Amino acid sequence: MNYKEAVSEIIKVIPQSKKDFSETYISNNPYMVINTFLRYIKKSIQENNNEVIQQYFQKMNDLYEKGDAALKNAVENVFIYSLDSLTFSCKAVRRQEIFSMLSLSLNKKYLHQVYKSGL
């Protein structure tokens, strides 16, 4: 799946995102596509909407698993990189709930980024 197909998949889960993706500069770059999706994920985390978070994470897992190299890189460099900032204000139990929604491969990428990045 490429980033243009990813836009269609995201719109299926978040119909209101169609307006965001109608802007050319957002829908013509895999990083901007994932960043736009990330804004909706952030909002659902702030609202403590577990059902929506679960849907969004499942879609992100699918995008990563089925995505081409460019889409996978965007997920790794935008979504995975942002997980700590998204969950910074969450309590430990809540944070654990959120991270449990990641697929095994995304969880491994997160752990790799956190523990092997040299930062």
N, C-alpha and C. Protein backbone atom coordinates (compact mmCIF):
# COMPACT_ATOMS: atom_id res chain seq x y z
N MET A 1 0.84 -1.18 0.00
CA MET A 1 0.00 0.00 0.00
C MET A 1 0.89 1.24 0.00
N ASN A 2 0.56 2.19 -0.85
CA ASN A 2 1.32 3.44 -0.86
C ASN A 2 0.56 4.50 -0.06
N TYR A 3 1.13 5.67 0.05
CA TYR A 3 0.52 6.71 0.90
C TYR A 3 -0.81 7.22 0.34
N LYS A 4 -1.00 7.15 -0.96
CA LYS A 4 -2.29 7.59 -1.52
C LYS A 4 -3.39 6.60 -1.14
N GLU A 5 -3.06 5.32 -1.15
CA GLU A 5 -4.02 4.32 -0.69
C GLU A 5 -4.25 4.46 0.81
N ALA A 6 -3.21 4.86 1.53
CA ALA A 6 -3.34 5.06 2.97
C ALA A 6 -4.34 6.18 3.28
N VAL A 7 -4.35 7.21 2.47
CA VAL A 7 -5.32 8.30 2.66
C VAL A 7 -6.73 7.74 2.61
N SER A 8 -7.02 6.90 1.63
CA SER A 8 -8.35 6.29 1.51
C SER A 8 -8.69 5.44 2.73
N GLU A 9 -7.70 4.71 3.22
CA GLU A 9 -7.91 3.86 4.40
C GLU A 9 -8.18 4.70 5.65
N ILE A 10 -7.47 5.79 5.79
CA ILE A 10 -7.67 6.67 6.95
C ILE A 10 -9.05 7.32 6.88
N ILE A 11 -9.46 7.74 5.71
CA ILE A 11 -10.77 8.37 5.54
C ILE A 11 -11.89 7.39 5.90
N LYS A 12 -11.70 6.10 5.65
CA LYS A 12 -12.71 5.10 6.04
C LYS A 12 -12.92 5.09 7.55
N VAL A 13 -11.84 5.30 8.30
CA VAL A 13 -11.90 5.28 9.76
C VAL A 13 -12.29 6.66 10.31
N ILE A 14 -11.83 7.72 9.65
CA ILE A 14 -12.09 9.09 10.09
C ILE A 14 -12.67 9.88 8.92
N PRO A 15 -13.96 9.75 8.68
CA PRO A 15 -14.56 10.44 7.53
C PRO A 15 -14.31 11.95 7.51
N GLN A 16 -14.26 12.58 8.68
CA GLN A 16 -14.05 14.03 8.71
C GLN A 16 -12.64 14.43 8.26
N SER A 17 -11.72 13.48 8.17
CA SER A 17 -10.37 13.78 7.71
C SER A 17 -10.31 14.04 6.20
N LYS A 18 -11.38 13.72 5.50
CA LYS A 18 -11.41 13.94 4.05
C LYS A 18 -11.12 15.39 3.71
N LYS A 19 -11.63 16.29 4.52
CA LYS A 19 -11.39 17.72 4.30
C LYS A 19 -9.90 18.03 4.43
N ASP A 20 -9.24 17.46 5.45
CA ASP A 20 -7.81 17.68 5.63
C ASP A 20 -7.02 17.17 4.43
N PHE A 21 -7.38 15.99 3.96
CA PHE A 21 -6.65 15.38 2.86
C PHE A 21 -6.96 16.00 1.50
N SER A 22 -7.96 16.85 1.45
CA SER A 22 -8.28 17.50 0.17
C SER A 22 -7.22 18.54 -0.20
N GLU A 23 -6.41 18.96 0.77
CA GLU A 23 -5.32 19.89 0.48
C GLU A 23 -4.16 19.11 -0.11
N THR A 24 -3.73 19.51 -1.28
CA THR A 24 -2.73 18.77 -2.05
C THR A 24 -1.44 18.52 -1.29
N TYR A 25 -0.92 19.52 -0.59
CA TYR A 25 0.37 19.35 0.07
C TYR A 25 0.31 18.30 1.18
N ILE A 26 -0.86 18.06 1.74
CA ILE A 26 -1.00 17.05 2.79
C ILE A 26 -1.08 15.65 2.18
N SER A 27 -1.81 15.52 1.10
CA SER A 27 -2.05 14.19 0.56
C SER A 27 -0.99 13.73 -0.43
N ASN A 28 0.02 14.53 -0.70
CA ASN A 28 1.06 14.14 -1.66
C ASN A 28 2.40 13.83 -1.01
N ASN A 29 2.36 13.44 0.25
CA ASN A 29 3.59 13.17 0.98
C ASN A 29 3.26 12.19 2.11
N PRO A 30 3.92 11.04 2.18
CA PRO A 30 3.57 10.06 3.21
C PRO A 30 3.76 10.60 4.63
N TYR A 31 4.73 11.48 4.83
CA TYR A 31 4.97 12.03 6.16
C TYR A 31 3.82 12.94 6.59
N MET A 32 3.31 13.72 5.67
CA MET A 32 2.18 14.59 5.98
C MET A 32 0.90 13.78 6.19
N VAL A 33 0.75 12.69 5.46
CA VAL A 33 -0.41 11.82 5.64
C VAL A 33 -0.41 11.26 7.05
N ILE A 34 0.72 10.72 7.50
CA ILE A 34 0.80 10.15 8.84
C ILE A 34 0.68 11.25 9.89
N ASN A 35 1.26 12.41 9.64
CA ASN A 35 1.15 13.53 10.58
C ASN A 35 -0.30 13.97 10.75
N THR A 36 -1.05 14.00 9.67
CA THR A 36 -2.47 14.35 9.74
C THR A 36 -3.23 13.32 10.56
N PHE A 37 -2.97 12.05 10.32
CA PHE A 37 -3.58 10.96 11.09
C PHE A 37 -3.20 11.10 12.57
N LEU A 38 -1.97 11.46 12.82
CA LEU A 38 -1.46 11.60 14.19
C LEU A 38 -2.23 12.67 14.97
N ARG A 39 -2.64 13.73 14.30
CA ARG A 39 -3.43 14.78 14.99
C ARG A 39 -4.74 14.21 15.53
N TYR A 40 -5.37 13.33 14.78
CA TYR A 40 -6.61 12.70 15.24
C TYR A 40 -6.33 11.72 16.39
N ILE A 41 -5.23 11.01 16.31
CA ILE A 41 -4.85 10.10 17.39
C ILE A 41 -4.61 10.89 18.67
N LYS A 42 -3.88 11.99 18.55
CA LYS A 42 -3.59 12.83 19.72
C LYS A 42 -4.88 13.32 20.37
N LYS A 43 -5.81 13.77 19.56
CA LYS A 43 -7.08 14.25 20.09
C LYS A 43 -7.84 13.15 20.82
N SER A 44 -7.85 11.95 20.26
CA SER A 44 -8.57 10.85 20.91
C SER A 44 -7.89 10.44 22.22
N ILE A 45 -6.57 10.53 22.29
CA ILE A 45 -5.86 10.24 23.54
C ILE A 45 -6.21 11.29 24.59
N GLN A 46 -6.23 12.54 24.19
CA GLN A 46 -6.58 13.62 25.12
C GLN A 46 -8.00 13.48 25.63
N GLU A 47 -8.89 12.96 24.80
CA GLU A 47 -10.29 12.77 25.19
C GLU A 47 -10.53 11.44 25.90
N ASN A 48 -9.48 10.63 26.06
CA ASN A 48 -9.58 9.31 26.71
C ASN A 48 -10.63 8.42 26.05
N ASN A 49 -10.68 8.45 24.75
CA ASN A 49 -11.66 7.67 24.01
C ASN A 49 -11.02 6.36 23.53
N ASN A 50 -11.04 5.36 24.41
CA ASN A 50 -10.36 4.09 24.13
C ASN A 50 -10.86 3.39 22.88
N GLU A 51 -12.15 3.43 22.65
CA GLU A 51 -12.70 2.74 21.48
C GLU A 51 -12.14 3.35 20.19
N VAL A 52 -12.08 4.66 20.14
CA VAL A 52 -11.55 5.35 18.96
C VAL A 52 -10.04 5.12 18.85
N ILE A 53 -9.35 5.21 19.97
CA ILE A 53 -7.90 4.98 19.97
C ILE A 53 -7.61 3.59 19.42
N GLN A 54 -8.37 2.61 19.86
CA GLN A 54 -8.18 1.23 19.39
C GLN A 54 -8.37 1.15 17.88
N GLN A 55 -9.39 1.79 17.36
CA GLN A 55 -9.63 1.81 15.90
C GLN A 55 -8.46 2.46 15.17
N TYR A 56 -8.02 3.60 15.68
CA TYR A 56 -6.94 4.34 15.03
C TYR A 56 -5.64 3.57 15.07
N PHE A 57 -5.34 2.96 16.21
CA PHE A 57 -4.10 2.19 16.31
C PHE A 57 -4.16 0.96 15.41
N GLN A 58 -5.33 0.34 15.31
CA GLN A 58 -5.45 -0.82 14.42
C GLN A 58 -5.19 -0.40 12.98
N LYS A 59 -5.71 0.76 12.61
CA LYS A 59 -5.47 1.25 11.25
C LYS A 59 -4.00 1.58 11.05
N MET A 60 -3.37 2.19 12.06
CA MET A 60 -1.94 2.49 11.95
C MET A 60 -1.13 1.20 11.84
N ASN A 61 -1.50 0.20 12.62
CA ASN A 61 -0.85 -1.11 12.53
C ASN A 61 -0.98 -1.67 11.10
N ASP A 62 -2.19 -1.57 10.53
CA ASP A 62 -2.42 -2.05 9.17
C ASP A 62 -1.59 -1.28 8.15
N LEU A 63 -1.56 0.04 8.30
CA LEU A 63 -0.77 0.86 7.37
C LEU A 63 0.69 0.45 7.41
N TYR A 64 1.18 0.16 8.61
CA TYR A 64 2.58 -0.23 8.74
C TYR A 64 2.82 -1.62 8.14
N GLU A 65 1.96 -2.55 8.46
CA GLU A 65 2.14 -3.92 8.00
C GLU A 65 2.01 -4.05 6.47
N LYS A 66 1.08 -3.31 5.89
CA LYS A 66 0.80 -3.43 4.46
C LYS A 66 1.45 -2.34 3.62
N GLY A 67 2.08 -1.38 4.27
CA GLY A 67 2.62 -0.23 3.56
C GLY A 67 3.91 -0.52 2.81
N ASP A 68 4.15 0.31 1.80
CA ASP A 68 5.41 0.22 1.08
C ASP A 68 6.51 0.87 1.94
N ALA A 69 7.71 0.89 1.45
CA ALA A 69 8.85 1.39 2.23
C ALA A 69 8.66 2.85 2.66
N ALA A 70 8.14 3.68 1.78
CA ALA A 70 7.95 5.10 2.12
C ALA A 70 6.92 5.28 3.23
N LEU A 71 5.84 4.53 3.16
CA LEU A 71 4.81 4.62 4.19
C LEU A 71 5.32 4.09 5.52
N LYS A 72 6.05 2.97 5.48
CA LYS A 72 6.63 2.42 6.72
C LYS A 72 7.59 3.41 7.36
N ASN A 73 8.42 4.04 6.54
CA ASN A 73 9.35 5.04 7.07
C ASN A 73 8.59 6.20 7.72
N ALA A 74 7.51 6.63 7.09
CA ALA A 74 6.72 7.72 7.65
C ALA A 74 6.10 7.30 8.99
N VAL A 75 5.58 6.09 9.08
CA VAL A 75 5.01 5.61 10.34
C VAL A 75 6.09 5.57 11.42
N GLU A 76 7.25 5.05 11.07
CA GLU A 76 8.34 4.96 12.05
C GLU A 76 8.82 6.34 12.49
N ASN A 77 8.98 7.24 11.54
CA ASN A 77 9.59 8.54 11.85
C ASN A 77 8.61 9.60 12.34
N VAL A 78 7.33 9.41 12.12
CA VAL A 78 6.35 10.38 12.60
C VAL A 78 5.58 9.79 13.79
N PHE A 79 4.92 8.66 13.57
CA PHE A 79 4.08 8.07 14.62
C PHE A 79 4.91 7.53 15.78
N ILE A 80 5.82 6.63 15.50
CA ILE A 80 6.62 6.02 16.56
C ILE A 80 7.40 7.08 17.33
N TYR A 81 7.99 8.00 16.60
CA TYR A 81 8.76 9.08 17.23
C TYR A 81 7.90 9.92 18.17
N SER A 82 6.62 10.07 17.86
CA SER A 82 5.73 10.93 18.64
C SER A 82 5.04 10.24 19.81
N LEU A 83 5.16 8.94 19.92
CA LEU A 83 4.42 8.22 20.96
C LEU A 83 4.71 8.74 22.37
N ASP A 84 5.95 9.02 22.67
CA ASP A 84 6.26 9.52 24.02
C ASP A 84 5.59 10.85 24.30
N SER A 85 5.64 11.75 23.34
CA SER A 85 5.01 13.06 23.56
C SER A 85 3.48 12.94 23.62
N LEU A 86 2.91 11.99 22.89
CA LEU A 86 1.46 11.79 22.93
C LEU A 86 0.99 11.28 24.29
N THR A 87 1.83 10.48 24.93
CA THR A 87 1.42 9.84 26.18
C THR A 87 2.13 10.43 27.40
N PHE A 88 2.84 11.53 27.22
CA PHE A 88 3.63 12.13 28.30
C PHE A 88 2.79 12.44 29.53
N SER A 89 1.62 13.00 29.34
CA SER A 89 0.79 13.41 30.47
C SER A 89 -0.09 12.28 31.01
N CYS A 90 -0.02 11.11 30.41
CA CYS A 90 -0.83 9.98 30.86
C CYS A 90 -0.20 9.31 32.07
N LYS A 91 -1.05 8.77 32.93
CA LYS A 91 -0.56 7.97 34.05
C LYS A 91 -0.01 6.66 33.51
N ALA A 92 0.80 6.00 34.33
CA ALA A 92 1.49 4.79 33.89
C ALA A 92 0.53 3.72 33.37
N VAL A 93 -0.57 3.51 34.07
CA VAL A 93 -1.54 2.49 33.66
C VAL A 93 -2.15 2.85 32.31
N ARG A 94 -2.50 4.11 32.15
CA ARG A 94 -3.09 4.57 30.89
C ARG A 94 -2.10 4.44 29.74
N ARG A 95 -0.87 4.81 30.02
CA ARG A 95 0.20 4.70 29.03
C ARG A 95 0.37 3.24 28.59
N GLN A 96 0.33 2.35 29.56
CA GLN A 96 0.46 0.92 29.26
C GLN A 96 -0.71 0.43 28.41
N GLU A 97 -1.92 0.91 28.70
CA GLU A 97 -3.09 0.55 27.90
C GLU A 97 -2.89 0.98 26.44
N ILE A 98 -2.41 2.21 26.27
CA ILE A 98 -2.21 2.74 24.92
C ILE A 98 -1.15 1.95 24.18
N PHE A 99 -0.04 1.69 24.83
CA PHE A 99 1.04 0.96 24.16
C PHE A 99 0.66 -0.49 23.88
N SER A 100 -0.26 -1.04 24.64
CA SER A 100 -0.69 -2.42 24.39
C SER A 100 -1.48 -2.54 23.09
N MET A 101 -1.92 -1.41 22.55
CA MET A 101 -2.67 -1.42 21.29
C MET A 101 -1.77 -1.49 20.06
N LEU A 102 -0.47 -1.33 20.26
CA LEU A 102 0.48 -1.40 19.14
C LEU A 102 0.66 -2.85 18.69
N SER A 103 0.86 -3.04 17.43
CA SER A 103 1.20 -4.37 16.93
C SER A 103 2.59 -4.74 17.44
N LEU A 104 2.92 -6.00 17.37
CA LEU A 104 4.23 -6.46 17.81
C LEU A 104 5.35 -5.76 17.04
N SER A 105 5.18 -5.63 15.73
CA SER A 105 6.24 -5.00 14.93
C SER A 105 6.39 -3.51 15.25
N LEU A 106 5.29 -2.79 15.49
CA LEU A 106 5.41 -1.38 15.87
C LEU A 106 5.98 -1.23 17.27
N ASN A 107 5.61 -2.15 18.14
CA ASN A 107 6.16 -2.12 19.50
C ASN A 107 7.67 -2.33 19.46
N LYS A 108 8.12 -3.25 18.63
CA LYS A 108 9.57 -3.49 18.48
C LYS A 108 10.27 -2.25 17.94
N LYS A 109 9.65 -1.59 16.96
CA LYS A 109 10.23 -0.36 16.40
C LYS A 109 10.31 0.73 17.46
N TYR A 110 9.29 0.83 18.29
CA TYR A 110 9.30 1.82 19.36
C TYR A 110 10.44 1.53 20.33
N LEU A 111 10.53 0.28 20.78
CA LEU A 111 11.59 -0.08 21.72
C LEU A 111 12.97 0.14 21.12
N HIS A 112 13.11 -0.18 19.85
CA HIS A 112 14.38 0.04 19.17
C HIS A 112 14.73 1.53 19.14
N GLN A 113 13.75 2.34 18.84
CA GLN A 113 13.98 3.78 18.76
C GLN A 113 14.33 4.36 20.13
N VAL A 114 13.65 3.90 21.16
CA VAL A 114 13.87 4.44 22.50
C VAL A 114 15.19 3.97 23.08
N TYR A 115 15.51 2.70 22.93
CA TYR A 115 16.67 2.14 23.62
C TYR A 115 17.94 2.09 22.78
N LYS A 116 17.84 2.25 21.49
CA LYS A 116 19.03 2.12 20.64
C LYS A 116 19.32 3.37 19.84
N SER A 117 18.59 4.46 20.11
CA SER A 117 18.76 5.64 19.28
C SER A 117 20.01 6.42 19.62
N GLY A 118 20.56 6.25 20.80
CA GLY A 118 21.76 6.98 21.20
C GLY A 118 21.46 8.39 21.69
N LEU A 119 20.18 8.71 21.85
CA LEU A 119 19.81 10.04 22.32
C LEU A 119 19.82 10.11 23.82
